[in-house]
Amino acid sequence: MPRFAAIGLDHRHVYDLTQGLLDAGAACVGYNPDTTDPRVLAGFQKRFPHVPAAETVRLLDDPSIDFVVIAAVPRDRADLAIAAMQRGKDVMVDKPGITTPGQLAAVQRAVAETGRYWSVALGRLASPAQQEALRIVRSGELGRLVHTTSLAPHRLNRALRPAWFFDAPAYGGIINDIGVHAIDQFLAFADATDAEIVHSAVGAFGTEPAGFEDFAELMLATPSVRGYVRLDWFTPDGLPTWGDGRCFVVGTEGTLELRKNLDIEGRPGTDHMFVANRSATRHIDCSKLPVTYYSDFVAGVVSRNHRAMPQQQVFAVCRLALHAQARATRYTAERPG
């Protein structure tokens, strides 16, 4: 049974990563209690009361620990991952795995030198709806893929956010932070290893503090497929979920829509899919479909055959997110009156 430790309890995503790995058969044998957000630490301790606390150095130097899970402040994740790989450990890191091109280059060197695996826990990998959508697209039911649209609104939940959340160098910008999911999704649907960033823009529409990036859009292209992405922090409090995430896929013989978090027609639960092809339409409840990311990662730790996501694909997604962020047109909306 592979053993792992959680290091960097600064984002609530650490809960899902830890639980997913436990469900996949791994054993969590320690965590570092240092945090910028005591609420995240308290939540971890409540969910996993039998996991002991230990200093980071002790966890990294423990030869019985096979891999680490990292959900630290984003700008600190690369250094922690490199330190773990240099001590013979694989890494699963919350997104974004890196915040600068220099960090990405350093992680790439560490992977090449150590032979360890560096996996970024991107949303597509743990989404049953997106996995089923990818299966349908690749089956040919929709014909030749033409275009994808990803809408990724998020609720700000200001009272729950630590100070680093509003510090652009700490998280790398809105596209690098939450747009990385959509870039990965586009490459997967397009069955591509790279893409062109045709356009990218970020906006600050008045969310405090001044200059905080609360909106972004980008357009991507391969020789045969186009894609559009919209990101924002404007989910209203009245919506009964943190964001009405949606994905639209257009093929020459059919279309597909994902509503990841709710169905406005009133069906309960998450992971709703709507498909229209040449003969009919149908709704698919994807919420009970299996997700293999965590089990694939755990199996890869043992077999050294990493099926969760090819390492070079992870690097490509991170590189494209950084490129889109760096080249983005920047604008601030004028306040009325």
C-alpha atoms as a PDB file:
ATOM      1  CA  MET A   1       0.000   0.000   0.000  1.00  0.00           C
ATOM      2  CA  PRO A   2       1.618   3.299  -1.082  1.00  0.00           C
ATOM      3  CA  ARG A   3       2.073   5.827   1.716  1.00  0.00           C
ATOM      4  CA  PHE A   4       1.765   9.592   1.355  1.00  0.00           C
ATOM      5  CA  ALA A   5       1.892  12.824   3.304  1.00  0.00           C
ATOM      6  CA  ALA A   6       0.056  16.134   2.867  1.00  0.00           C
ATOM      7  CA  ILE A   7       2.292  19.212   2.866  1.00  0.00           C
ATOM      8  CA  GLY A   8       1.035  22.772   2.599  1.00  0.00           C
ATOM      9  CA  LEU A   9      -2.512  23.002   3.949  1.00  0.00           C
ATOM     10  CA  ASP A  10      -3.330  26.398   2.450  1.00  0.00           C
ATOM     11  CA  HIS A  11      -6.223  25.517   0.120  1.00  0.00           C
ATOM     12  CA  ARG A  12      -9.337  23.428   0.719  1.00  0.00           C
ATOM     13  CA  HIS A  13      -8.610  21.333  -2.352  1.00  0.00           C
ATOM     14  CA  VAL A  14      -6.340  19.308  -0.076  1.00  0.00           C
ATOM     15  CA  TYR A  15      -9.471  17.642   1.323  1.00  0.00           C
ATOM     16  CA  ASP A  16     -10.541  16.187  -2.026  1.00  0.00           C
ATOM     17  CA  LEU A  17      -7.020  15.166  -2.985  1.00  0.00           C
ATOM     18  CA  THR A  18      -6.455  13.359   0.296  1.00  0.00           C
ATOM     19  CA  GLN A  19      -9.851  11.624   0.260  1.00  0.00           C
ATOM     20  CA  GLY A  20      -9.483  10.601  -3.383  1.00  0.00           C
ATOM     21  CA  LEU A  21      -6.129   8.980  -2.661  1.00  0.00           C
ATOM     22  CA  LEU A  22      -7.445   7.239   0.451  1.00  0.00           C
ATOM     23  CA  ASP A  23     -10.350   5.851  -1.572  1.00  0.00           C
ATOM     24  CA  ALA A  24      -7.820   4.621  -4.131  1.00  0.00           C
ATOM     25  CA  GLY A  25      -6.059   2.545  -1.509  1.00  0.00           C
ATOM     26  CA  ALA A  26      -3.170   4.768  -0.443  1.00  0.00           C
ATOM     27  CA  ALA A  27      -2.444   5.529   3.216  1.00  0.00           C
ATOM     28  CA  CYS A  28      -2.026   9.071   4.500  1.00  0.00           C
ATOM     29  CA  VAL A  29       0.634   8.800   7.211  1.00  0.00           C
ATOM     30  CA  GLY A  30       1.313  12.428   8.064  1.00  0.00           C
ATOM     31  CA  TYR A  31       0.676  16.086   7.402  1.00  0.00           C
ATOM     32  CA  ASN A  32       2.457  19.357   8.022  1.00  0.00           C
ATOM     33  CA  PRO A  33       0.216  21.655  10.123  1.00  0.00           C
ATOM     34  CA  ASP A  34       1.836  24.920   8.957  1.00  0.00           C
ATOM     35  CA  THR A  35      -0.785  27.004   7.132  1.00  0.00           C
ATOM     36  CA  THR A  36      -1.764  30.517   6.079  1.00  0.00           C
ATOM     37  CA  ASP A  37      -5.403  29.655   6.744  1.00  0.00           C
ATOM     38  CA  PRO A  38      -6.211  28.027  10.113  1.00  0.00           C
ATOM     39  CA  ARG A  39      -9.679  27.121   8.805  1.00  0.00           C
ATOM     40  CA  VAL A  40      -8.139  24.790   6.229  1.00  0.00           C
ATOM     41  CA  LEU A  41      -6.055  23.125   8.934  1.00  0.00           C
ATOM     42  CA  ALA A  42      -9.095  22.694  11.174  1.00  0.00           C
ATOM     43  CA  GLY A  43     -11.050  21.193   8.296  1.00  0.00           C
ATOM     44  CA  PHE A  44      -8.271  18.727   7.547  1.00  0.00           C
ATOM     45  CA  GLN A  45      -7.993  17.661  11.173  1.00  0.00           C
ATOM     46  CA  LYS A  46     -11.776  17.164  11.377  1.00  0.00           C
ATOM     47  CA  ARG A  47     -11.914  15.059   8.203  1.00  0.00           C
ATOM     48  CA  PHE A  48      -8.775  13.011   8.888  1.00  0.00           C
ATOM     49  CA  PRO A  49      -8.427  12.859  12.694  1.00  0.00           C
ATOM     50  CA  HIS A  50      -6.179   9.803  12.720  1.00  0.00           C
ATOM     51  CA  VAL A  51      -3.449  11.320  10.526  1.00  0.00           C
ATOM     52  CA  PRO A  52      -0.510  12.521  12.678  1.00  0.00           C
ATOM     53  CA  ALA A  53       1.117  15.941  12.325  1.00  0.00           C
ATOM     54  CA  ALA A  54       4.837  16.286  11.589  1.00  0.00           C
ATOM     55  CA  GLU A  55       7.350  18.846  10.346  1.00  0.00           C
ATOM     56  CA  THR A  56       7.865  19.127   6.597  1.00  0.00           C
ATOM     57  CA  VAL A  57      11.527  18.083   6.751  1.00  0.00           C
ATOM     58  CA  ARG A  58      10.641  14.962   8.718  1.00  0.00           C
ATOM     59  CA  LEU A  59       8.004  13.985   6.176  1.00  0.00           C
ATOM     60  CA  LEU A  60      10.277  14.654   3.196  1.00  0.00           C
ATOM     61  CA  ASP A  61      13.140  12.677   4.736  1.00  0.00           C
ATOM     62  CA  ASP A  62      11.001   9.675   5.686  1.00  0.00           C
ATOM     63  CA  PRO A  63      11.998   6.925   3.206  1.00  0.00           C
ATOM     64  CA  SER A  64       8.771   5.001   3.878  1.00  0.00           C
ATOM     65  CA  ILE A  65       6.671   7.789   2.309  1.00  0.00           C
ATOM     66  CA  ASP A  66       6.221   7.201  -1.416  1.00  0.00           C
ATOM     67  CA  PHE A  67       4.684  10.503  -2.491  1.00  0.00           C
ATOM     68  CA  VAL A  68       3.415  13.830  -1.218  1.00  0.00           C
ATOM     69  CA  VAL A  69       0.291  15.910  -1.832  1.00  0.00           C
ATOM     70  CA  ILE A  70       0.875  19.659  -1.962  1.00  0.00           C
ATOM     71  CA  ALA A  71      -1.760  22.389  -1.560  1.00  0.00           C
ATOM     72  CA  ALA A  72       0.498  25.175  -0.338  1.00  0.00           C
ATOM     73  CA  VAL A  73       0.328  28.811  -1.437  1.00  0.00           C
ATOM     74  CA  PRO A  74       0.772  28.449  -5.222  1.00  0.00           C
ATOM     75  CA  ARG A  75       4.080  30.342  -5.426  1.00  0.00           C
ATOM     76  CA  ASP A  76       5.565  27.871  -2.890  1.00  0.00           C
ATOM     77  CA  ARG A  77       4.417  24.671  -4.582  1.00  0.00           C
ATOM     78  CA  ALA A  78       7.279  24.260  -7.045  1.00  0.00           C
ATOM     79  CA  ASP A  79      10.004  24.434  -4.388  1.00  0.00           C
ATOM     80  CA  LEU A  80       8.197  21.908  -2.199  1.00  0.00           C
ATOM     81  CA  ALA A  81       7.661  19.586  -5.170  1.00  0.00           C
ATOM     82  CA  ILE A  82      11.326  19.779  -6.172  1.00  0.00           C
ATOM     83  CA  ALA A  83      12.436  19.073  -2.600  1.00  0.00           C
ATOM     84  CA  ALA A  84      10.170  16.017  -2.506  1.00  0.00           C
ATOM     85  CA  MET A  85      11.382  14.693  -5.884  1.00  0.00           C
ATOM     86  CA  GLN A  86      14.994  15.131  -4.859  1.00  0.00           C
ATOM     87  CA  ARG A  87      14.238  12.855  -1.912  1.00  0.00           C
ATOM     88  CA  GLY A  88      12.791  10.156  -4.158  1.00  0.00           C
ATOM     89  CA  LYS A  89       9.111  10.990  -3.859  1.00  0.00           C
ATOM     90  CA  ASP A  90       6.434  11.437  -6.520  1.00  0.00           C
ATOM     91  CA  VAL A  91       4.225  14.511  -6.257  1.00  0.00           C
ATOM     92  CA  MET A  92       0.544  15.312  -6.664  1.00  0.00           C
ATOM     93  CA  VAL A  93       0.066  19.074  -6.508  1.00  0.00           C
ATOM     94  CA  ASP A  94      -3.059  21.192  -6.445  1.00  0.00           C
ATOM     95  CA  LYS A  95      -3.451  23.550  -9.380  1.00  0.00           C
ATOM     96  CA  PRO A  96      -1.695  25.771 -10.299  1.00  0.00           C
ATOM     97  CA  GLY A  97       1.429  23.698  -9.889  1.00  0.00           C
ATOM     98  CA  ILE A  98       3.666  26.656 -10.760  1.00  0.00           C
ATOM     99  CA  THR A  99       3.381  30.444 -11.034  1.00  0.00           C
ATOM    100  CA  THR A 100       6.366  31.443 -13.231  1.00  0.00           C
ATOM    101  CA  PRO A 101       8.243  30.092 -16.281  1.00  0.00           C
ATOM    102  CA  GLY A 102      11.329  29.748 -14.090  1.00  0.00           C
ATOM    103  CA  GLN A 103       9.466  27.462 -11.716  1.00  0.00           C
ATOM    104  CA  LEU A 104       8.216  25.345 -14.602  1.00  0.00           C
ATOM    105  CA  ALA A 105      11.749  24.966 -15.972  1.00  0.00           C
ATOM    106  CA  ALA A 106      13.027  23.988 -12.514  1.00  0.00           C
ATOM    107  CA  VAL A 107      10.299  21.375 -12.090  1.00  0.00           C
ATOM    108  CA  GLN A 108      11.055  19.962 -15.532  1.00  0.00           C
ATOM    109  CA  ARG A 109      14.732  19.644 -14.614  1.00  0.00           C
ATOM    110  CA  ALA A 110      13.866  17.914 -11.357  1.00  0.00           C
ATOM    111  CA  VAL A 111      11.624  15.405 -13.131  1.00  0.00           C
ATOM    112  CA  ALA A 112      14.366  14.658 -15.680  1.00  0.00           C
ATOM    113  CA  GLU A 113      17.057  14.293 -13.033  1.00  0.00           C
ATOM    114  CA  THR A 114      15.110  12.244 -10.493  1.00  0.00           C
ATOM    115  CA  GLY A 115      12.745  10.162 -12.616  1.00  0.00           C
ATOM    116  CA  ARG A 116       9.901  11.147 -10.291  1.00  0.00           C
ATOM    117  CA  TYR A 117       6.393  12.002 -11.486  1.00  0.00           C
ATOM    118  CA  TRP A 118       4.868  15.475 -11.029  1.00  0.00           C
ATOM    119  CA  SER A 119       1.085  15.473 -11.418  1.00  0.00           C
ATOM    120  CA  VAL A 120      -1.152  18.551 -11.270  1.00  0.00           C
ATOM    121  CA  ALA A 121      -4.665  17.712 -10.070  1.00  0.00           C
ATOM    122  CA  LEU A 122      -6.613  19.333 -12.897  1.00  0.00           C
ATOM    123  CA  GLY A 123     -10.405  19.382 -12.828  1.00  0.00           C
ATOM    124  CA  ARG A 124     -10.949  17.229 -15.923  1.00  0.00           C
ATOM    125  CA  LEU A 125      -9.104  14.326 -14.356  1.00  0.00           C
ATOM    126  CA  ALA A 126     -11.490  14.078 -11.412  1.00  0.00           C
ATOM    127  CA  SER A 127     -14.729  14.976 -13.202  1.00  0.00           C
ATOM    128  CA  PRO A 128     -16.960  12.074 -14.250  1.00  0.00           C
ATOM    129  CA  ALA A 129     -18.911  14.355 -16.617  1.00  0.00           C
ATOM    130  CA  GLN A 130     -15.780  15.522 -18.415  1.00  0.00           C
ATOM    131  CA  GLN A 131     -14.450  11.986 -18.659  1.00  0.00           C
ATOM    132  CA  GLU A 132     -17.706  10.794 -20.223  1.00  0.00           C
ATOM    133  CA  ALA A 133     -17.773  13.798 -22.573  1.00  0.00           C
ATOM    134  CA  LEU A 134     -14.264  12.961 -23.715  1.00  0.00           C
ATOM    135  CA  ARG A 135     -15.301   9.360 -24.360  1.00  0.00           C
ATOM    136  CA  ILE A 136     -18.263  10.503 -26.476  1.00  0.00           C
ATOM    137  CA  VAL A 137     -16.167  12.989 -28.468  1.00  0.00           C
ATOM    138  CA  ARG A 138     -13.536  10.356 -29.197  1.00  0.00           C
ATOM    139  CA  SER A 139     -16.182   7.792 -30.151  1.00  0.00           C
ATOM    140  CA  GLY A 140     -17.067   9.855 -33.223  1.00  0.00           C
ATOM    141  CA  GLU A 141     -20.732  10.259 -32.288  1.00  0.00           C
ATOM    142  CA  LEU A 142     -20.516  14.029 -32.751  1.00  0.00           C
ATOM    143  CA  GLY A 143     -18.573  13.784 -36.006  1.00  0.00           C
ATOM    144  CA  ARG A 144     -15.412  15.810 -36.444  1.00  0.00           C
ATOM    145  CA  LEU A 145     -14.749  18.190 -33.557  1.00  0.00           C
ATOM    146  CA  VAL A 146     -15.080  21.840 -34.554  1.00  0.00           C
ATOM    147  CA  HIS A 147     -15.255  24.005 -31.429  1.00  0.00           C
ATOM    148  CA  THR A 148     -15.360  23.963 -27.616  1.00  0.00           C
ATOM    149  CA  THR A 149     -16.579  26.606 -25.180  1.00  0.00           C
ATOM    150  CA  SER A 150     -15.735  26.558 -21.484  1.00  0.00           C
ATOM    151  CA  LEU A 151     -17.504  28.852 -19.007  1.00  0.00           C
ATOM    152  CA  ALA A 152     -15.975  28.825 -15.539  1.00  0.00           C
ATOM    153  CA  PRO A 153     -17.649  31.287 -13.171  1.00  0.00           C
ATOM    154  CA  HIS A 154     -16.596  31.108  -9.515  1.00  0.00           C
ATOM    155  CA  ARG A 155     -17.984  32.545  -6.284  1.00  0.00           C
ATOM    156  CA  LEU A 156     -15.523  34.853  -4.551  1.00  0.00           C
ATOM    157  CA  ASN A 157     -16.454  33.934  -0.956  1.00  0.00           C
ATOM    158  CA  ARG A 158     -14.354  36.855   0.193  1.00  0.00           C
ATOM    159  CA  ALA A 159     -14.673  36.090   3.915  1.00  0.00           C
ATOM    160  CA  LEU A 160     -13.088  32.675   3.385  1.00  0.00           C
ATOM    161  CA  ARG A 161     -10.094  33.852   1.351  1.00  0.00           C
ATOM    162  CA  PRO A 162      -6.639  34.319   2.892  1.00  0.00           C
ATOM    163  CA  ALA A 163      -4.552  37.373   1.995  1.00  0.00           C
ATOM    164  CA  TRP A 164      -2.431  35.551  -0.608  1.00  0.00           C
ATOM    165  CA  PHE A 165      -5.550  34.874  -2.683  1.00  0.00           C
ATOM    166  CA  PHE A 166      -5.602  38.548  -3.719  1.00  0.00           C
ATOM    167  CA  ASP A 167      -1.835  38.790  -4.371  1.00  0.00           C
ATOM    168  CA  ALA A 168      -1.190  38.113  -8.085  1.00  0.00           C
ATOM    169  CA  PRO A 169       2.442  36.918  -7.676  1.00  0.00           C
ATOM    170  CA  ALA A 170       1.219  34.429  -5.055  1.00  0.00           C
ATOM    171  CA  TYR A 171      -1.201  32.662  -7.405  1.00  0.00           C
ATOM    172  CA  GLY A 172       0.137  33.602 -10.826  1.00  0.00           C
ATOM    173  CA  GLY A 173      -2.910  35.436 -12.209  1.00  0.00           C
ATOM    174  CA  ILE A 174      -6.448  34.342 -12.992  1.00  0.00           C
ATOM    175  CA  ILE A 175      -5.632  32.423 -16.197  1.00  0.00           C
ATOM    176  CA  ASN A 176      -2.751  30.557 -14.600  1.00  0.00           C
ATOM    177  CA  ASP A 177      -4.855  29.804 -11.529  1.00  0.00           C
ATOM    178  CA  ILE A 178      -8.274  28.711 -12.805  1.00  0.00           C
ATOM    179  CA  GLY A 179      -7.827  28.926 -16.593  1.00  0.00           C
ATOM    180  CA  VAL A 180      -5.355  26.057 -16.513  1.00  0.00           C
ATOM    181  CA  HIS A 181      -8.336  23.674 -16.133  1.00  0.00           C
ATOM    182  CA  ALA A 182      -9.935  24.877 -19.361  1.00  0.00           C
ATOM    183  CA  ILE A 183      -6.675  24.761 -21.296  1.00  0.00           C
ATOM    184  CA  ASP A 184      -6.193  21.143 -20.263  1.00  0.00           C
ATOM    185  CA  GLN A 185      -9.791  20.385 -21.218  1.00  0.00           C
ATOM    186  CA  PHE A 186      -9.346  21.929 -24.674  1.00  0.00           C
ATOM    187  CA  LEU A 187      -6.199  19.905 -25.396  1.00  0.00           C
ATOM    188  CA  ALA A 188      -7.947  16.720 -24.297  1.00  0.00           C
ATOM    189  CA  PHE A 189     -10.997  17.277 -26.499  1.00  0.00           C
ATOM    190  CA  ALA A 190      -8.819  18.323 -29.448  1.00  0.00           C
ATOM    191  CA  ASP A 191      -6.579  15.282 -28.861  1.00  0.00           C
ATOM    192  CA  ALA A 192      -3.636  17.666 -29.101  1.00  0.00           C
ATOM    193  CA  THR A 193      -0.322  18.056 -27.320  1.00  0.00           C
ATOM    194  CA  ASP A 194      -0.070  21.795 -27.994  1.00  0.00           C
ATOM    195  CA  ALA A 195      -2.168  24.769 -29.083  1.00  0.00           C
ATOM    196  CA  GLU A 196      -1.891  28.386 -30.144  1.00  0.00           C
ATOM    197  CA  ILE A 197      -3.109  31.112 -27.802  1.00  0.00           C
ATOM    198  CA  VAL A 198      -4.964  33.251 -30.321  1.00  0.00           C
ATOM    199  CA  HIS A 199      -6.142  35.831 -27.790  1.00  0.00           C
ATOM    200  CA  SER A 200      -6.172  36.330 -24.039  1.00  0.00           C
ATOM    201  CA  ALA A 201      -7.358  39.144 -21.794  1.00  0.00           C
ATOM    202  CA  VAL A 202      -7.765  39.764 -18.086  1.00  0.00           C
ATOM    203  CA  GLY A 203      -9.932  42.346 -16.406  1.00  0.00           C
ATOM    204  CA  ALA A 204     -10.330  44.039 -13.048  1.00  0.00           C
ATOM    205  CA  PHE A 205     -13.933  45.182 -12.849  1.00  0.00           C
ATOM    206  CA  GLY A 206     -13.867  46.622  -9.373  1.00  0.00           C
ATOM    207  CA  THR A 207     -13.585  43.676  -6.995  1.00  0.00           C
ATOM    208  CA  GLU A 208     -11.609  44.852  -3.980  1.00  0.00           C
ATOM    209  CA  PRO A 209      -8.682  45.142  -3.602  1.00  0.00           C
ATOM    210  CA  ALA A 210      -8.082  47.357  -6.622  1.00  0.00           C
ATOM    211  CA  GLY A 211      -6.451  45.525  -9.488  1.00  0.00           C
ATOM    212  CA  PHE A 212      -7.619  42.044  -8.480  1.00  0.00           C
ATOM    213  CA  GLU A 213      -8.167  40.004 -11.654  1.00  0.00           C
ATOM    214  CA  ASP A 214     -11.828  39.002 -11.536  1.00  0.00           C
ATOM    215  CA  PHE A 215     -12.444  38.254 -15.239  1.00  0.00           C
ATOM    216  CA  ALA A 216     -10.546  36.641 -18.116  1.00  0.00           C
ATOM    217  CA  GLU A 217     -11.133  35.205 -21.543  1.00  0.00           C
ATOM    218  CA  LEU A 218      -8.982  33.406 -24.060  1.00  0.00           C
ATOM    219  CA  MET A 219      -9.181  31.755 -27.452  1.00  0.00           C
ATOM    220  CA  LEU A 220      -7.167  28.665 -28.381  1.00  0.00           C
ATOM    221  CA  ALA A 221      -6.597  26.869 -31.659  1.00  0.00           C
ATOM    222  CA  THR A 222      -5.089  23.775 -33.168  1.00  0.00           C
ATOM    223  CA  PRO A 223      -4.941  23.291 -36.944  1.00  0.00           C
ATOM    224  CA  SER A 224      -8.470  21.830 -36.857  1.00  0.00           C
ATOM    225  CA  VAL A 225     -10.212  22.882 -33.634  1.00  0.00           C
ATOM    226  CA  ARG A 226     -11.007  26.213 -32.003  1.00  0.00           C
ATOM    227  CA  GLY A 227     -11.903  26.962 -28.392  1.00  0.00           C
ATOM    228  CA  TYR A 228     -13.156  29.823 -26.230  1.00  0.00           C
ATOM    229  CA  VAL A 229     -12.797  30.162 -22.447  1.00  0.00           C
ATOM    230  CA  ARG A 230     -14.413  32.609 -20.020  1.00  0.00           C
ATOM    231  CA  LEU A 231     -13.373  32.833 -16.368  1.00  0.00           C
ATOM    232  CA  ASP A 232     -14.735  35.076 -13.628  1.00  0.00           C
ATOM    233  CA  TRP A 233     -15.327  35.570  -9.903  1.00  0.00           C
ATOM    234  CA  PHE A 234     -18.900  36.851 -10.294  1.00  0.00           C
ATOM    235  CA  THR A 235     -21.116  33.920  -9.290  1.00  0.00           C
ATOM    236  CA  PRO A 236     -23.972  35.580  -7.365  1.00  0.00           C
ATOM    237  CA  ASP A 237     -24.704  34.543  -3.807  1.00  0.00           C
ATOM    238  CA  GLY A 238     -28.218  33.472  -4.814  1.00  0.00           C
ATOM    239  CA  LEU A 239     -26.956  30.618  -7.001  1.00  0.00           C
ATOM    240  CA  PRO A 240     -27.048  27.336  -5.036  1.00  0.00           C
ATOM    241  CA  THR A 241     -23.499  26.355  -6.001  1.00  0.00           C
ATOM    242  CA  TRP A 242     -20.061  27.965  -6.177  1.00  0.00           C
ATOM    243  CA  GLY A 243     -20.336  28.350  -9.961  1.00  0.00           C
ATOM    244  CA  ASP A 244     -22.497  27.270 -12.899  1.00  0.00           C
ATOM    245  CA  GLY A 245     -19.588  25.697 -14.795  1.00  0.00           C
ATOM    246  CA  ARG A 246     -20.522  24.756 -18.342  1.00  0.00           C
ATOM    247  CA  CYS A 247     -18.837  23.252 -21.367  1.00  0.00           C
ATOM    248  CA  PHE A 248     -20.155  23.182 -24.935  1.00  0.00           C
ATOM    249  CA  VAL A 249     -18.767  20.921 -27.652  1.00  0.00           C
ATOM    250  CA  VAL A 250     -19.683  21.348 -31.319  1.00  0.00           C
ATOM    251  CA  GLY A 251     -19.055  18.599 -33.847  1.00  0.00           C
ATOM    252  CA  THR A 252     -20.049  18.242 -37.472  1.00  0.00           C
ATOM    253  CA  GLU A 253     -22.803  15.742 -36.555  1.00  0.00           C
ATOM    254  CA  GLY A 254     -23.773  16.595 -32.996  1.00  0.00           C
ATOM    255  CA  THR A 255     -23.389  18.803 -29.945  1.00  0.00           C
ATOM    256  CA  LEU A 256     -22.798  18.242 -26.261  1.00  0.00           C
ATOM    257  CA  GLU A 257     -23.246  20.400 -23.167  1.00  0.00           C
ATOM    258  CA  LEU A 258     -21.985  19.793 -19.645  1.00  0.00           C
ATOM    259  CA  ARG A 259     -23.522  21.485 -16.653  1.00  0.00           C
ATOM    260  CA  LYS A 260     -21.041  20.477 -14.040  1.00  0.00           C
ATOM    261  CA  ASN A 261     -22.577  21.788 -10.846  1.00  0.00           C
ATOM    262  CA  LEU A 262     -26.336  22.085 -11.296  1.00  0.00           C
ATOM    263  CA  ASP A 263     -29.209  21.562 -13.714  1.00  0.00           C
ATOM    264  CA  ILE A 264     -31.445  24.621 -14.003  1.00  0.00           C
ATOM    265  CA  GLU A 265     -34.358  22.300 -14.925  1.00  0.00           C
ATOM    266  CA  GLY A 266     -34.267  21.074 -11.341  1.00  0.00           C
ATOM    267  CA  ARG A 267     -32.677  17.635 -11.584  1.00  0.00           C
ATOM    268  CA  PRO A 268     -30.711  17.108  -8.375  1.00  0.00           C
ATOM    269  CA  GLY A 269     -26.983  16.671  -8.080  1.00  0.00           C
ATOM    270  CA  THR A 270     -24.020  17.504 -10.305  1.00  0.00           C
ATOM    271  CA  ASP A 271     -22.368  16.275 -13.537  1.00  0.00           C
ATOM    272  CA  HIS A 272     -25.258  16.651 -15.979  1.00  0.00           C
ATOM    273  CA  MET A 273     -24.703  16.083 -19.699  1.00  0.00           C
ATOM    274  CA  PHE A 274     -26.953  16.864 -22.664  1.00  0.00           C
ATOM    275  CA  VAL A 275     -26.198  15.315 -26.058  1.00  0.00           C
ATOM    276  CA  ALA A 276     -27.824  15.978 -29.425  1.00  0.00           C
ATOM    277  CA  ASN A 277     -26.831  13.874 -32.431  1.00  0.00           C
ATOM    278  CA  ARG A 278     -28.295  13.174 -35.871  1.00  0.00           C
ATOM    279  CA  SER A 279     -31.170  11.079 -34.517  1.00  0.00           C
ATOM    280  CA  ALA A 280     -32.088  12.166 -30.961  1.00  0.00           C
ATOM    281  CA  THR A 281     -31.281  14.059 -27.782  1.00  0.00           C
ATOM    282  CA  ARG A 282     -30.579  12.646 -24.348  1.00  0.00           C
ATOM    283  CA  HIS A 283     -29.688  13.628 -20.790  1.00  0.00           C
ATOM    284  CA  ILE A 284     -26.973  11.649 -19.010  1.00  0.00           C
ATOM    285  CA  ASP A 285     -26.473  11.672 -15.257  1.00  0.00           C
ATOM    286  CA  CYS A 286     -22.686  11.293 -14.997  1.00  0.00           C
ATOM    287  CA  SER A 287     -22.450  11.713 -11.235  1.00  0.00           C
ATOM    288  CA  LYS A 288     -22.160   7.989 -10.527  1.00  0.00           C
ATOM    289  CA  LEU A 289     -19.655   7.210 -13.276  1.00  0.00           C
ATOM    290  CA  PRO A 290     -16.177   6.162 -12.121  1.00  0.00           C
ATOM    291  CA  VAL A 291     -13.197   8.492 -11.981  1.00  0.00           C
ATOM    292  CA  THR A 292      -9.797   6.820 -12.244  1.00  0.00           C
ATOM    293  CA  TYR A 293      -7.354   9.701 -11.708  1.00  0.00           C
ATOM    294  CA  TYR A 294      -6.503   8.840  -8.114  1.00  0.00           C
ATOM    295  CA  SER A 295      -6.302   5.095  -8.654  1.00  0.00           C
ATOM    296  CA  ASP A 296      -4.225   5.624 -11.800  1.00  0.00           C
ATOM    297  CA  PHE A 297      -1.838   7.853  -9.867  1.00  0.00           C
ATOM    298  CA  VAL A 298      -1.503   5.354  -7.010  1.00  0.00           C
ATOM    299  CA  ALA A 299      -0.950   2.493  -9.477  1.00  0.00           C
ATOM    300  CA  GLY A 300       1.688   4.579 -11.250  1.00  0.00           C
ATOM    301  CA  VAL A 301       3.589   5.131  -8.016  1.00  0.00           C
ATOM    302  CA  VAL A 302       3.956   1.366  -7.765  1.00  0.00           C
ATOM    303  CA  SER A 303       4.411   0.405 -11.442  1.00  0.00           C
ATOM    304  CA  ARG A 304       6.213   3.580 -12.654  1.00  0.00           C
ATOM    305  CA  ASN A 305       3.736   3.553 -15.568  1.00  0.00           C
ATOM    306  CA  HIS A 306       1.867   6.806 -15.097  1.00  0.00           C
ATOM    307  CA  ARG A 307      -1.476   6.533 -16.815  1.00  0.00           C
ATOM    308  CA  ALA A 308      -3.104   9.418 -14.933  1.00  0.00           C
ATOM    309  CA  MET A 309      -1.785  11.959 -17.453  1.00  0.00           C
ATOM    310  CA  PRO A 310       1.408  11.901 -19.555  1.00  0.00           C
ATOM    311  CA  GLN A 311       4.115  13.997 -17.934  1.00  0.00           C
ATOM    312  CA  GLN A 312       4.812  16.065 -21.044  1.00  0.00           C
ATOM    313  CA  GLN A 313       1.102  16.881 -21.313  1.00  0.00           C
ATOM    314  CA  VAL A 314       1.156  18.300 -17.792  1.00  0.00           C
ATOM    315  CA  PHE A 315       4.098  20.507 -18.734  1.00  0.00           C
ATOM    316  CA  ALA A 316       2.358  21.669 -21.934  1.00  0.00           C
ATOM    317  CA  VAL A 317      -0.803  22.697 -20.078  1.00  0.00           C
ATOM    318  CA  CYS A 318       1.176  24.692 -17.501  1.00  0.00           C
ATOM    319  CA  ARG A 319       3.295  26.352 -20.198  1.00  0.00           C
ATOM    320  CA  LEU A 320       0.233  27.421 -22.173  1.00  0.00           C
ATOM    321  CA  ALA A 321      -1.450  28.841 -19.068  1.00  0.00           C
ATOM    322  CA  LEU A 322       1.626  30.895 -18.231  1.00  0.00           C
ATOM    323  CA  HIS A 323       1.888  32.102 -21.840  1.00  0.00           C
ATOM    324  CA  ALA A 324      -1.775  33.115 -21.989  1.00  0.00           C
ATOM    325  CA  GLN A 325      -1.442  34.957 -18.680  1.00  0.00           C
ATOM    326  CA  ALA A 326       1.729  36.796 -19.702  1.00  0.00           C
ATOM    327  CA  ARG A 327       0.449  37.954 -23.099  1.00  0.00           C
ATOM    328  CA  ALA A 328      -3.048  38.901 -21.925  1.00  0.00           C
ATOM    329  CA  THR A 329      -4.497  42.289 -22.743  1.00  0.00           C
ATOM    330  CA  ARG A 330      -5.191  44.012 -19.443  1.00  0.00           C
ATOM    331  CA  TYR A 331      -8.053  46.381 -18.827  1.00  0.00           C
ATOM    332  CA  THR A 332      -9.958  47.887 -15.941  1.00  0.00           C
ATOM    333  CA  ALA A 333     -13.583  48.896 -16.318  1.00  0.00           C
ATOM    334  CA  GLU A 334     -14.443  52.459 -15.416  1.00  0.00           C
ATOM    335  CA  ARG A 335     -16.879  52.816 -12.552  1.00  0.00           C
ATOM    336  CA  PRO A 336     -20.167  54.523 -13.550  1.00  0.00           C
ATOM    337  CA  GLY A 337     -20.937  57.969 -12.239  1.00  0.00           C
END
